């Protein structure tokens, strides 16, 4: 039997099934749920899990030199250690959160840094448990403070659900101002925001109904145009050779049963389903190709969904665990917390949930609202940790 949350079948492995938009209503789901979902998808798609149906291409680019670090890089033997990270005033960091890959023979030297944010575009009329913009603003202010402290932010990774409840309809949509430009400080928007669509972003966006990328409200292939996110395609990659790093963005919105709720709100449900399936197939193909071809020592991979949403795609998870040629950091959102404990492990690589941007609600299992910081070492190692805000600003719990 399937265990149902308020918004559909539980997509996680047994235990507590988290419904990101259920406003605090959660049901317990059996351990067999994912196996049943996987079996249904296998029947519907008629092929092995995680394999692209129709390989297609997706955009890739190299960051312009004006956006790259010029610091020298070294090649040294690396190992995984942990580090104590000082919190930004008014925020906190978890002592168990930092994950460091750095040289054993010298202190960690940073070549640059980045921030990871998700699920943040709060809406006054339609929202979940978070009842005011104060939570999103507090996260945004903490991000600005951290950016000033670091002084070398190269980009922001945005895992989607940027505009609740239904995305933006075009480049003139007032939500670009009210939910992004007027909330996040200029120094945060002076670097590219590498972004993907979240499920909410598709609801009213013409992109759900067309294959014409020019009609998509969030698509922007000009990295120097910082008035919008950088998203040259629904899935794409960006090379940062000066950092020995590559960013891979994946549109996985056909993932599990969530596609039904995504396309339900679009004016073209059948076309929406077809487009999102095609985009996920393309995302898988891009990921496998870049994992095989990229010369970067570090891959930063992100989609809207955390790793526990891909139990039905074991090939994908196995590839995320490979560290023979790359070190991998994976980031997802959708669930509204910032942690590593709720995700499926891709050890020896690292996986984060970064969906605590203050846009909708809070999870029953955690009180971490905030974002993730990534520090890129001169030796090409990356260490990551969470910065969280006062939970009471966002949600009240006994």
Foldseek 3Di string as FASTA:
>chain_A
DFKAWPVGGQLFAFAWRWDQFRQATTDGTHRCRNVVLLVVVCVVVVDAFLAFDDADADAEEADDPVLAFPDAFDAADKDKDFDDDDFQPQWDFDRPFKIWIAHPPDDFAFRAKEWEAEQAQADQPDFGQFNDNLLLLVQLVSVVSVCVVRVGYREYEYQEPQHPPAAAAAQPGCSLVVRPVVRHDPVRLQHAHAYAYDLRNQLNYCLLQDPPPVSGRQADCDRNPSSGHHHPDNWYKYDRVSLLEIETEAEQCLQGPNLQVSLVRHPHNVSSNVSSSNRNSNSSSVVVVCLVPPQRQEYEYEHQDWQSSRPSRVVVLQSQLDNPRHAYEYEHESRAAWDQVRGDDSPVHGTIYRHQSQHHAHIPVDQFHHIKMWTQGSNRMIMMITIGHDSVSGHDDD
